[in-house]
N, C-alpha and C. Protein backbone atom coordinates (compact mmCIF):
# COMPACT_ATOMS: atom_id res chain seq x y z
N ALA A 1 -16.80 1.31 4.56
CA ALA A 1 -16.62 0.82 3.97
C ALA A 1 -16.06 -0.75 3.65
N TYR A 2 -15.89 -1.69 2.12
CA TYR A 2 -16.53 -2.75 2.36
C TYR A 2 -14.68 -3.85 3.13
N ASN A 3 -14.81 -4.27 3.86
CA ASN A 3 -13.83 -5.02 4.14
C ASN A 3 -13.44 -6.22 3.82
N ALA A 4 -11.68 -6.34 2.74
CA ALA A 4 -11.48 -7.40 2.39
C ALA A 4 -11.40 -7.86 3.07
N LYS A 5 -10.94 -8.46 4.70
CA LYS A 5 -10.60 -9.10 5.95
C LYS A 5 -11.56 -9.92 5.79
N ALA A 6 -12.59 -9.78 6.40
CA ALA A 6 -13.77 -10.61 6.53
C ALA A 6 -13.96 -11.58 5.60
N PRO A 7 -15.11 -12.70 6.46
CA PRO A 7 -15.19 -13.49 5.72
C PRO A 7 -16.02 -13.16 4.70
N PHE A 8 -16.28 -13.58 3.30
CA PHE A 8 -16.97 -13.25 2.68
C PHE A 8 -18.34 -13.73 2.26
N ASP A 9 -19.95 -13.45 2.31
CA ASP A 9 -21.00 -13.83 1.77
C ASP A 9 -21.66 -12.47 1.52
N LEU A 10 -22.06 -12.14 -0.10
CA LEU A 10 -22.42 -10.70 -0.01
C LEU A 10 -23.75 -11.34 -0.94
N PRO A 11 -24.78 -11.46 -0.41
CA PRO A 11 -25.48 -11.58 -1.55
C PRO A 11 -25.56 -10.34 -2.98
N SER A 12 -25.79 -11.13 -3.67
CA SER A 12 -25.83 -10.88 -5.30
C SER A 12 -26.68 -9.64 -5.30
N GLU A 13 -27.88 -9.23 -4.51
CA GLU A 13 -28.88 -7.78 -4.87
C GLU A 13 -27.78 -7.18 -3.83
N ALA A 14 -26.74 -7.27 -2.68
CA ALA A 14 -25.92 -6.32 -2.07
C ALA A 14 -24.86 -5.82 -2.79
N ALA A 15 -23.84 -6.72 -3.73
CA ALA A 15 -23.17 -6.35 -4.81
C ALA A 15 -23.10 -5.84 -5.47
N PHE A 16 -24.86 -5.67 -6.33
CA PHE A 16 -25.00 -5.12 -7.82
C PHE A 16 -25.19 -3.53 -6.48
N ALA A 17 -25.79 -3.10 -6.04
CA ALA A 17 -26.53 -2.24 -5.08
C ALA A 17 -24.68 -1.35 -4.79
N LEU A 18 -23.89 -2.47 -3.86
CA LEU A 18 -22.31 -1.92 -3.33
C LEU A 18 -22.26 -1.10 -4.37
N LEU A 19 -21.84 -2.54 -5.82
CA LEU A 19 -20.79 -1.65 -7.16
C LEU A 19 -21.14 0.08 -7.42
N GLY A 20 -22.46 -0.12 -7.48
CA GLY A 20 -23.12 0.93 -7.95
C GLY A 20 -23.63 2.17 -6.74
N VAL A 21 -23.34 2.15 -5.91
CA VAL A 21 -22.58 3.18 -4.44
C VAL A 21 -21.02 3.10 -5.10
N LEU A 22 -20.41 2.72 -5.09
CA LEU A 22 -18.93 2.46 -5.14
C LEU A 22 -18.33 3.44 -6.31
N LEU A 23 -19.46 2.82 -7.15
CA LEU A 23 -19.01 4.29 -8.84
C LEU A 23 -19.67 5.29 -8.19
N LEU A 24 -20.14 5.52 -7.72
CA LEU A 24 -21.02 6.83 -7.70
C LEU A 24 -19.85 7.48 -6.74
N ARG A 25 -19.60 7.05 -5.12
CA ARG A 25 -18.48 7.58 -4.33
C ARG A 25 -17.13 7.92 -4.91
N ALA A 26 -16.53 7.35 -6.32
CA ALA A 26 -15.85 6.82 -6.88
C ALA A 26 -15.23 8.70 -7.78
N ASN A 27 -16.62 9.37 -8.28
CA ASN A 27 -16.80 9.87 -8.70
C ASN A 27 -17.09 11.50 -7.21
N ASP A 28 -16.63 11.25 -6.19
CA ASP A 28 -17.34 12.17 -5.20
C ASP A 28 -16.70 14.05 -5.24
N ARG A 29 -17.20 14.88 -4.17
CA ARG A 29 -16.70 16.33 -5.18
C ARG A 29 -14.82 15.97 -3.59
N TYR A 30 -15.09 15.00 -2.58
CA TYR A 30 -14.33 15.16 -1.71
C TYR A 30 -13.21 13.91 -2.04
N PRO A 31 -12.00 14.45 -1.70
CA PRO A 31 -10.61 13.45 -1.83
C PRO A 31 -11.05 12.22 -1.81
N VAL A 32 -11.47 12.45 -0.47
CA VAL A 32 -11.62 11.37 0.61
C VAL A 32 -12.08 10.30 0.25
N ALA A 33 -13.52 10.56 0.45
CA ALA A 33 -14.60 9.76 -0.36
C ALA A 33 -13.82 8.96 -1.38
N ARG A 34 -13.70 9.87 -3.36
CA ARG A 34 -12.87 9.18 -3.49
C ARG A 34 -12.02 7.85 -3.82
N ARG A 35 -10.80 8.13 -2.76
CA ARG A 35 -9.96 7.27 -2.67
C ARG A 35 -10.40 6.00 -1.66
N GLY A 36 -11.77 6.39 -0.45
CA GLY A 36 -12.30 5.29 -0.37
C GLY A 36 -12.83 4.32 -0.59
N ALA A 37 -13.81 4.93 -1.98
CA ALA A 37 -14.98 3.72 -2.95
C ALA A 37 -14.06 3.66 -4.13
N LEU A 38 -13.32 3.73 -4.60
CA LEU A 38 -11.78 2.97 -5.69
C LEU A 38 -10.55 2.55 -4.98
N THR A 39 -10.05 2.26 -4.05
CA THR A 39 -9.65 1.59 -2.45
C THR A 39 -11.10 -0.12 -2.15
N SER A 40 -11.69 0.56 -2.17
CA SER A 40 -13.30 -0.89 -1.65
C SER A 40 -13.36 -1.90 -2.39
N LEU A 41 -14.06 -0.58 -4.21
CA LEU A 41 -14.02 -1.10 -5.41
C LEU A 41 -13.59 -1.91 -5.41
N ALA A 42 -11.82 -1.50 -5.29
CA ALA A 42 -10.59 -2.77 -5.92
C ALA A 42 -10.25 -4.23 -5.15
N SER A 43 -10.43 -3.73 -3.32
CA SER A 43 -11.25 -4.48 -2.86
C SER A 43 -12.35 -5.52 -3.37
N LEU A 44 -13.41 -5.30 -3.60
CA LEU A 44 -15.01 -5.94 -3.99
C LEU A 44 -14.32 -6.35 -5.56
N MET A 45 -13.33 -6.49 -6.34
CA MET A 45 -14.02 -6.95 -7.62
C MET A 45 -12.83 -7.76 -7.34
N GLU A 46 -11.70 -7.76 -6.27
CA GLU A 46 -10.59 -9.11 -6.04
C GLU A 46 -11.46 -9.77 -5.92
N ARG A 47 -12.04 -9.90 -5.30
CA ARG A 47 -12.94 -11.46 -4.25
C ARG A 47 -14.59 -11.53 -5.19
N ILE A 48 -14.94 -10.51 -5.67
CA ILE A 48 -15.93 -11.34 -7.40
C ILE A 48 -14.72 -12.41 -8.32
N ALA A 49 -13.63 -12.12 -8.13
CA ALA A 49 -12.87 -12.32 -9.55
C ALA A 49 -12.50 -13.48 -8.59
N GLU A 50 -13.09 -14.41 -7.46
CA GLU A 50 -13.07 -15.57 -6.56
C GLU A 50 -14.17 -16.42 -6.33
N SER A 51 -15.59 -15.76 -6.69
CA SER A 51 -17.21 -15.89 -7.37
C SER A 51 -17.39 -15.80 -8.08
N GLU A 52 -17.68 -16.94 -8.15
CA GLU A 52 -18.71 -17.18 -10.14
C GLU A 52 -19.52 -17.03 -9.98
N PRO A 53 -20.68 -16.45 -8.41
CA PRO A 53 -21.75 -15.95 -8.41
C PRO A 53 -22.37 -14.22 -8.75
N LEU A 54 -21.44 -14.35 -8.03
CA LEU A 54 -20.33 -12.31 -7.89
C LEU A 54 -20.28 -12.19 -9.75
N ARG A 55 -19.02 -13.33 -10.30
CA ARG A 55 -18.57 -12.25 -11.14
C ARG A 55 -19.99 -12.62 -12.71
N THR A 56 -20.89 -13.33 -12.21
CA THR A 56 -22.57 -12.88 -13.33
C THR A 56 -23.37 -11.90 -13.02
N VAL A 57 -22.89 -11.51 -11.65
CA VAL A 57 -23.69 -9.93 -10.69
C VAL A 57 -22.52 -8.82 -11.95
N PHE A 58 -21.50 -8.91 -11.81
CA PHE A 58 -21.44 -8.08 -11.97
C PHE A 58 -20.68 -7.67 -13.53
N GLY A 59 -20.61 -8.51 -14.30
CA GLY A 59 -21.09 -9.03 -15.70
C GLY A 59 -22.58 -8.11 -15.78
N GLN A 60 -23.37 -8.34 -15.00
CA GLN A 60 -25.11 -8.10 -15.37
C GLN A 60 -24.82 -5.86 -14.69
N PHE A 61 -24.70 -6.00 -13.90
CA PHE A 61 -23.50 -4.88 -12.91
C PHE A 61 -23.28 -3.63 -14.88
N LEU A 62 -22.51 -4.39 -15.22
CA LEU A 62 -21.47 -3.70 -16.07
C LEU A 62 -22.61 -3.45 -17.70
N HIS A 63 -23.22 -3.85 -17.87
CA HIS A 63 -24.18 -3.47 -19.01
C HIS A 63 -25.34 -2.73 -18.69
N GLN A 64 -25.96 -2.24 -17.12
CA GLN A 64 -26.57 -1.59 -16.98
C GLN A 64 -25.98 -0.20 -16.94
N PRO A 65 -27.85 0.45 -17.33
CA PRO A 65 -27.48 1.91 -17.34
C PRO A 65 -26.39 2.39 -16.18
N PRO A 66 -26.18 3.53 -16.81
CA PRO A 66 -25.37 4.02 -15.15
C PRO A 66 -26.40 4.62 -14.44
N ALA A 67 -26.28 4.72 -13.34
CA ALA A 67 -26.92 5.30 -12.37
C ALA A 67 -27.15 6.62 -12.57
N THR A 68 -26.08 7.69 -12.57
CA THR A 68 -26.58 9.60 -12.45
C THR A 68 -25.23 9.34 -13.78
N ALA A 69 -26.41 11.04 -14.32
CA ALA A 69 -25.79 11.38 -14.96
C ALA A 69 -24.25 12.06 -15.49
N ALA A 70 -23.75 12.28 -14.53
CA ALA A 70 -22.68 13.16 -14.41
C ALA A 70 -21.40 12.26 -14.38
N LEU A 71 -20.32 12.80 -15.16
CA LEU A 71 -19.25 12.80 -16.17
C LEU A 71 -18.40 12.34 -14.48
N PRO A 72 -17.72 11.39 -14.28
CA PRO A 72 -15.83 11.90 -13.67
C PRO A 72 -15.64 12.80 -15.09
N GLN A 73 -14.83 13.79 -13.65
CA GLN A 73 -14.06 14.89 -13.57
C GLN A 73 -12.98 14.80 -12.66
N GLN A 74 -12.26 16.35 -12.97
CA GLN A 74 -11.80 16.60 -12.01
C GLN A 74 -12.33 17.81 -10.77
N PRO A 75 -12.14 17.92 -10.16
CA PRO A 75 -12.47 18.93 -9.32
C PRO A 75 -11.56 20.59 -10.27
N ASP A 76 -12.19 21.45 -10.11
CA ASP A 76 -11.82 22.20 -11.27
C ASP A 76 -11.25 22.41 -12.70
N LYS A 77 -11.11 20.92 -13.16
CA LYS A 77 -10.45 20.74 -14.11
C LYS A 77 -11.36 20.42 -15.33
N PRO A 78 -12.70 20.47 -15.91
CA PRO A 78 -13.57 20.82 -16.73
C PRO A 78 -13.30 19.57 -17.34
N ASP A 79 -13.56 18.36 -17.98
CA ASP A 79 -12.72 17.50 -19.66
C ASP A 79 -13.87 18.33 -20.41
N GLU A 80 -13.64 18.77 -21.79
CA GLU A 80 -13.90 19.20 -22.80
C GLU A 80 -14.51 17.63 -24.27
N ASP A 81 -13.67 16.78 -23.88
CA ASP A 81 -13.53 15.71 -24.46
C ASP A 81 -14.17 14.33 -23.91
N ALA A 82 -14.94 14.32 -23.23
CA ALA A 82 -16.22 13.59 -22.00
C ALA A 82 -16.46 12.49 -23.01
N PRO A 83 -15.99 11.06 -22.84
CA PRO A 83 -16.38 10.03 -22.79
C PRO A 83 -18.09 10.15 -23.07
N ASP A 84 -18.55 9.81 -24.37
CA ASP A 84 -19.80 8.73 -23.68
C ASP A 84 -20.58 6.78 -23.31
N ILE A 85 -21.21 8.66 -22.38
CA ILE A 85 -21.19 7.08 -21.03
C ILE A 85 -22.68 6.64 -21.37
N LYS A 86 -22.35 5.28 -21.46
CA LYS A 86 -23.74 4.18 -21.63
C LYS A 86 -24.21 3.06 -20.19
N THR A 87 -23.24 3.11 -19.90
CA THR A 87 -23.09 1.82 -19.55
C THR A 87 -22.65 2.37 -17.99
N GLN A 88 -22.53 1.16 -17.17
CA GLN A 88 -21.65 1.03 -16.19
C GLN A 88 -20.23 0.82 -16.24
N ARG A 89 -20.41 -0.33 -17.23
CA ARG A 89 -18.69 -0.37 -17.55
C ARG A 89 -18.14 0.94 -18.15
N ASP A 90 -18.68 1.81 -19.05
CA ASP A 90 -18.76 3.39 -20.34
C ASP A 90 -17.62 4.22 -17.85
N LEU A 91 -18.29 4.24 -17.45
CA LEU A 91 -18.59 5.05 -16.15
C LEU A 91 -17.13 3.85 -15.97
N LEU A 92 -17.39 3.37 -15.04
CA LEU A 92 -15.75 2.73 -14.16
C LEU A 92 -14.68 3.02 -15.37
N VAL A 93 -14.75 2.22 -16.69
CA VAL A 93 -12.84 2.91 -17.51
C VAL A 93 -12.80 4.15 -17.68
N ALA A 94 -14.03 4.95 -17.82
CA ALA A 94 -14.15 6.89 -17.37
C ALA A 94 -13.73 6.71 -16.21
N THR A 95 -14.13 6.90 -15.24
CA THR A 95 -13.84 6.96 -13.98
C THR A 95 -12.49 6.70 -13.75
N VAL A 96 -12.69 5.58 -13.57
CA VAL A 96 -10.17 4.93 -13.42
C VAL A 96 -9.87 6.10 -13.89
N MET A 97 -9.90 6.36 -15.98
CA MET A 97 -8.29 7.11 -16.36
C MET A 97 -8.56 8.52 -15.65
N CYS A 98 -9.70 9.32 -15.62
CA CYS A 98 -9.73 10.42 -14.66
C CYS A 98 -9.20 9.90 -13.64
N ARG A 99 -9.44 9.31 -12.31
CA ARG A 99 -8.34 9.32 -11.48
C ARG A 99 -7.45 9.19 -11.66
N LEU A 100 -7.30 8.65 -12.68
CA LEU A 100 -5.41 8.16 -12.82
C LEU A 100 -4.39 9.53 -12.84
N LYS A 101 -4.80 10.55 -13.39
CA LYS A 101 -5.12 12.24 -13.69
C LYS A 101 -5.26 12.97 -12.34
N GLU A 102 -5.65 12.48 -11.07
CA GLU A 102 -5.98 13.31 -10.20
C GLU A 102 -5.08 13.80 -8.84
N ASP A 103 -5.04 15.03 -8.71
CA ASP A 103 -3.93 15.86 -7.95
C ASP A 103 -3.32 14.89 -6.86
N LYS A 104 -4.52 14.23 -6.21
CA LYS A 104 -3.75 13.54 -5.03
C LYS A 104 -3.58 12.08 -5.63
N ALA A 105 -2.20 12.18 -4.24
CA ALA A 105 -1.98 10.81 -4.97
C ALA A 105 -2.28 9.81 -4.28
N TRP A 106 -2.75 9.94 -3.98
CA TRP A 106 -2.88 9.25 -2.93
C TRP A 106 -4.49 8.18 -3.66
N VAL A 107 -5.52 8.69 -4.26
CA VAL A 107 -6.42 8.77 -5.26
C VAL A 107 -5.70 8.01 -6.36
N ARG A 108 -5.40 8.79 -7.14
CA ARG A 108 -4.25 7.35 -8.56
C ARG A 108 -3.91 6.68 -8.13
N ARG A 109 -3.57 6.32 -6.28
CA ARG A 109 -3.04 5.53 -6.84
C ARG A 109 -4.45 3.54 -6.65
N SER A 110 -5.87 4.85 -5.34
CA SER A 110 -6.55 3.68 -5.60
C SER A 110 -7.10 3.28 -7.29
N SER A 111 -6.76 4.32 -8.36
CA SER A 111 -7.59 4.27 -9.22
C SER A 111 -6.78 3.34 -9.94
N ILE A 112 -5.11 2.72 -9.46
CA ILE A 112 -4.42 2.15 -10.11
C ILE A 112 -4.78 0.60 -9.89
N GLN A 113 -5.43 0.62 -8.50
CA GLN A 113 -5.31 -0.51 -7.70
C GLN A 113 -7.05 -0.83 -8.48
N VAL A 114 -7.67 -0.53 -8.75
CA VAL A 114 -9.06 -0.46 -9.45
C VAL A 114 -8.36 -1.05 -11.41
N LEU A 115 -8.15 0.13 -11.39
CA LEU A 115 -7.35 -0.20 -12.64
C LEU A 115 -6.71 -1.68 -12.89
N GLU A 116 -5.49 -2.29 -12.74
CA GLU A 116 -4.98 -3.54 -11.66
C GLU A 116 -6.88 -4.35 -12.08
N MET A 117 -7.17 -4.40 -11.12
CA MET A 117 -8.57 -5.59 -10.83
C MET A 117 -9.44 -5.31 -12.09
N ILE A 118 -9.33 -4.42 -13.21
CA ILE A 118 -9.71 -4.96 -14.36
C ILE A 118 -9.50 -5.78 -15.08
N ILE A 119 -7.28 -5.29 -15.82
CA ILE A 119 -7.13 -6.37 -16.31
C ILE A 119 -7.46 -7.45 -15.57
N VAL A 120 -7.04 -7.89 -14.30
CA VAL A 120 -6.67 -9.45 -14.26
C VAL A 120 -8.49 -9.76 -14.21
N ALA A 121 -9.38 -8.99 -14.09
CA ALA A 121 -10.47 -9.86 -14.42
C ALA A 121 -10.68 -10.43 -15.18
N ASP A 122 -10.15 -9.36 -16.34
CA ASP A 122 -10.60 -9.43 -17.86
C ASP A 122 -12.17 -9.73 -19.02
N GLU A 123 -12.54 -9.13 -17.80
CA GLU A 123 -14.34 -8.48 -18.18
C GLU A 123 -14.89 -7.56 -18.42
N ILE A 124 -14.21 -6.75 -18.80
CA ILE A 124 -13.57 -5.38 -18.90
C ILE A 124 -12.68 -4.99 -20.49
N PRO A 125 -13.67 -5.33 -22.19
CA PRO A 125 -12.35 -4.78 -22.60
C PRO A 125 -11.67 -3.03 -22.56
N VAL A 126 -10.26 -2.39 -22.23
CA VAL A 126 -9.60 -2.13 -21.79
C VAL A 126 -8.49 -1.77 -22.90
N ASP A 127 -8.52 -0.88 -23.24
CA ASP A 127 -6.87 -0.30 -24.43
C ASP A 127 -5.36 -0.06 -24.26
N ILE A 128 -5.37 -1.64 -23.87
CA ILE A 128 -4.14 -2.16 -23.56
C ILE A 128 -2.67 -0.63 -23.33
N ASP A 129 -2.87 -0.59 -24.76
CA ASP A 129 -1.58 0.58 -24.81
C ASP A 129 -1.87 1.82 -24.53
N GLN A 130 -2.89 2.34 -24.04
CA GLN A 130 -3.43 3.39 -23.19
C GLN A 130 -3.21 3.10 -21.74
N VAL A 131 -3.79 1.18 -21.22
CA VAL A 131 -2.97 1.29 -20.05
C VAL A 131 -1.58 1.44 -20.17
N PHE A 132 -0.97 0.50 -20.40
CA PHE A 132 0.17 0.51 -21.03
C PHE A 132 1.14 2.07 -20.16
N ALA A 133 0.55 2.75 -21.45
CA ALA A 133 1.42 4.28 -21.75
C ALA A 133 0.97 5.44 -20.52
N ASN A 134 -0.31 4.95 -20.02
CA ASN A 134 -0.58 5.90 -18.46
C ASN A 134 0.39 4.90 -17.49
N VAL A 135 0.30 4.75 -17.54
CA VAL A 135 0.46 3.16 -16.14
C VAL A 135 2.41 3.22 -15.83
N ILE A 136 3.12 3.39 -17.24
CA ILE A 136 4.31 3.31 -17.76
C ILE A 136 4.42 5.52 -17.01
N GLU A 137 3.98 5.29 -17.81
CA GLU A 137 3.95 6.98 -17.24
C GLU A 137 4.21 7.08 -15.19
N MET A 138 3.31 6.48 -14.71
CA MET A 138 3.13 6.98 -13.58
C MET A 138 4.36 6.38 -12.98
N SER A 139 4.35 4.93 -13.17
CA SER A 139 6.28 4.97 -12.50
C SER A 139 6.91 5.16 -12.36
N GLN A 140 7.16 5.77 -13.51
CA GLN A 140 8.63 6.51 -13.55
C GLN A 140 8.48 7.61 -12.30
N LEU A 141 10.57 8.19 -12.15
CA LEU A 141 10.90 8.70 -10.57
C LEU A 141 10.24 10.42 -11.31
N HIS A 142 10.48 10.72 -12.46
CA HIS A 142 10.81 12.26 -12.35
C HIS A 142 8.94 12.74 -13.43
N VAL A 143 8.16 11.67 -13.22
CA VAL A 143 7.17 12.21 -14.17
C VAL A 143 5.84 11.75 -12.02
N GLU A 144 6.44 11.21 -11.32
CA GLU A 144 5.04 10.63 -10.06
C GLU A 144 6.03 10.82 -9.00
N GLU A 145 5.71 11.59 -8.03
CA GLU A 145 6.87 11.82 -7.57
C GLU A 145 6.29 11.01 -6.12
N SER A 146 5.35 10.50 -6.21
CA SER A 146 5.20 9.57 -4.91
C SER A 146 5.28 8.19 -4.73
N VAL A 147 5.91 7.77 -4.28
CA VAL A 147 5.82 6.80 -3.86
C VAL A 147 5.30 5.34 -4.35
N LEU A 148 3.99 5.65 -2.96
CA LEU A 148 2.76 5.20 -3.23
C LEU A 148 2.43 4.39 -4.29
N VAL A 149 1.89 5.70 -4.95
CA VAL A 149 2.40 5.26 -6.57
C VAL A 149 3.20 4.95 -7.48
N ARG A 150 4.31 4.94 -7.92
CA ARG A 150 4.41 4.35 -8.21
C ARG A 150 5.33 2.95 -8.09
N LYS A 151 5.03 2.16 -7.32
CA LYS A 151 4.85 1.17 -6.64
C LYS A 151 3.35 0.11 -6.85
N GLN A 152 2.33 0.81 -6.93
CA GLN A 152 1.46 0.49 -7.16
C GLN A 152 1.26 0.93 -9.03
N ALA A 153 1.99 1.30 -9.33
CA ALA A 153 2.09 1.59 -11.21
C ALA A 153 2.32 0.39 -11.84
N LEU A 154 3.68 0.13 -10.66
CA LEU A 154 4.56 -0.92 -11.17
C LEU A 154 3.90 -2.37 -11.09
N SER A 155 2.99 -2.70 -10.01
CA SER A 155 2.85 -4.01 -9.73
C SER A 155 1.28 -3.88 -10.85
N CYS A 156 1.23 -3.51 -11.20
CA CYS A 156 -0.60 -3.02 -12.19
C CYS A 156 0.42 -3.60 -13.67
N LEU A 157 1.47 -2.65 -13.56
CA LEU A 157 2.46 -3.08 -15.06
C LEU A 157 2.43 -5.05 -15.12
N VAL A 158 3.09 -4.83 -14.10
CA VAL A 158 3.20 -7.28 -13.75
C VAL A 158 2.04 -7.16 -14.47
N SER A 159 0.95 -7.00 -13.26
CA SER A 159 -0.56 -7.29 -13.76
C SER A 159 -0.78 -7.92 -14.73
N THR A 160 -0.50 -6.92 -15.57
CA THR A 160 -1.09 -6.50 -17.22
C THR A 160 -0.20 -7.35 -17.98
N CYS A 161 1.17 -7.77 -17.91
CA CYS A 161 2.50 -8.10 -18.31
C CYS A 161 2.42 -10.30 -17.94
N ARG A 162 1.44 -10.24 -17.04
CA ARG A 162 1.15 -11.72 -16.44
C ARG A 162 -0.14 -11.73 -17.74
N GLN A 163 -0.86 -10.94 -17.35
CA GLN A 163 -2.42 -11.24 -18.04
C GLN A 163 -2.66 -11.00 -19.41
N GLN A 164 -1.71 -10.53 -20.28
CA GLN A 164 -1.23 -11.30 -21.34
C GLN A 164 -0.76 -11.92 -21.82
N ILE A 165 0.66 -11.69 -21.28
CA ILE A 165 1.46 -12.95 -21.55
C ILE A 165 0.49 -14.33 -21.40
N GLN A 166 -0.71 -14.64 -20.62
CA GLN A 166 -1.66 -15.92 -20.11
C GLN A 166 -2.61 -15.93 -21.23
N LYS A 167 -2.60 -14.59 -22.09
CA LYS A 167 -3.47 -15.01 -23.28
C LYS A 167 -2.72 -15.57 -25.00
N TYR A 168 -1.75 -15.10 -24.67
CA TYR A 168 -0.04 -15.22 -25.46
C TYR A 168 -0.68 -17.55 -25.65
N THR A 169 -0.39 -17.36 -24.57
CA THR A 169 0.49 -19.25 -24.06
C THR A 169 -0.93 -19.79 -24.26
N SER A 170 -2.31 -19.12 -23.62
CA SER A 170 -2.79 -20.44 -23.96
C SER A 170 -3.87 -20.53 -25.14
N ALA A 171 -3.47 -19.78 -26.04
CA ALA A 171 -4.17 -19.94 -27.80
C ALA A 171 -3.26 -20.96 -28.43
N ALA A 172 -3.81 -20.45 -29.13
CA ALA A 172 -3.80 -22.20 -30.43
C ALA A 172 -2.90 -22.47 -30.56
N ALA A 173 -1.55 -21.65 -30.88
CA ALA A 173 -1.08 -21.59 -31.35
C ALA A 173 0.15 -21.09 -30.76
N PRO A 174 1.58 -21.71 -30.83
CA PRO A 174 2.48 -21.58 -29.72
C PRO A 174 3.11 -20.47 -29.97
N VAL A 175 3.83 -19.46 -29.15
CA VAL A 175 3.83 -18.22 -28.81
C VAL A 175 5.45 -18.35 -28.09
N ASN A 176 6.83 -18.31 -28.77
CA ASN A 176 8.02 -17.61 -28.32
C ASN A 176 8.64 -16.70 -28.17
N GLU A 177 9.15 -17.01 -26.69
CA GLU A 177 9.37 -15.13 -26.09
C GLU A 177 10.31 -14.26 -26.57
N ALA A 178 10.67 -14.90 -27.87
CA ALA A 178 10.84 -13.34 -29.04
C ALA A 178 9.94 -12.47 -29.90
N THR A 179 8.64 -13.73 -30.04
CA THR A 179 8.01 -12.77 -31.00
C THR A 179 6.81 -12.30 -29.69
N LEU A 180 6.80 -12.89 -28.16
CA LEU A 180 5.57 -12.34 -27.44
C LEU A 180 6.06 -10.68 -27.30
N ALA A 181 8.26 -11.13 -27.03
CA ALA A 181 8.60 -9.87 -26.89
C ALA A 181 7.92 -8.02 -27.51
N ASN A 182 8.94 -8.79 -28.87
CA ASN A 182 8.05 -8.16 -30.69
C ASN A 182 6.67 -7.42 -30.14
N ASP A 183 5.70 -8.36 -29.91
CA ASP A 183 4.12 -8.14 -29.92
C ASP A 183 3.97 -6.80 -29.23
N MET A 184 3.77 -7.32 -27.81
CA MET A 184 4.42 -5.95 -26.81
C MET A 184 5.38 -5.00 -26.83
N ASP A 185 6.25 -4.75 -27.84
CA ASP A 185 6.97 -4.21 -28.05
C ASP A 185 7.93 -3.62 -26.48
N LEU A 186 8.34 -5.05 -26.42
CA LEU A 186 10.08 -5.21 -25.01
C LEU A 186 11.07 -5.29 -25.95
N PRO A 187 12.46 -5.38 -25.70
CA PRO A 187 13.58 -6.04 -25.76
C PRO A 187 13.42 -7.09 -26.02
N ALA A 188 14.04 -8.04 -26.73
CA ALA A 188 14.21 -9.51 -26.11
C ALA A 188 14.61 -10.25 -26.00
């Protein structure tokens, strides 16, 4: 597994290959492999955000066709509404969204970590409304029994809110807090 604490000097070719392997393993049939791959992918994406050359590699990787035709599915629960997977970007988003519904709590937690990195990186377009709906649901006690998953869901919500606020504040027109709260369907 990728070690986020080690000094980071990863050649572009190795990063490209590592991203592909981690994405494939995130759809492994064994939950421990899925969790390890998703956790490592989140750590790698965090490092990619800090390195301009690796961001370029990541952008190239996302536009490649997927390395496998296998779609992310939950074991014993084939998805009849499988998304159309044309690029690694599509496969990554489909994998994360599928793993949010995983039976194993630690796989759900790891998928939320990747989702958080996707949102923070702002390299991959995701439906923010869908993200909010899924993650808010997972942060609620009556829906999610795992404290680790709820904690990671709240962390993801905070990151998502920060990222959305940065988008609003970096826009040319000033936005006041009441307008921002109204746009995000939050109480003022």
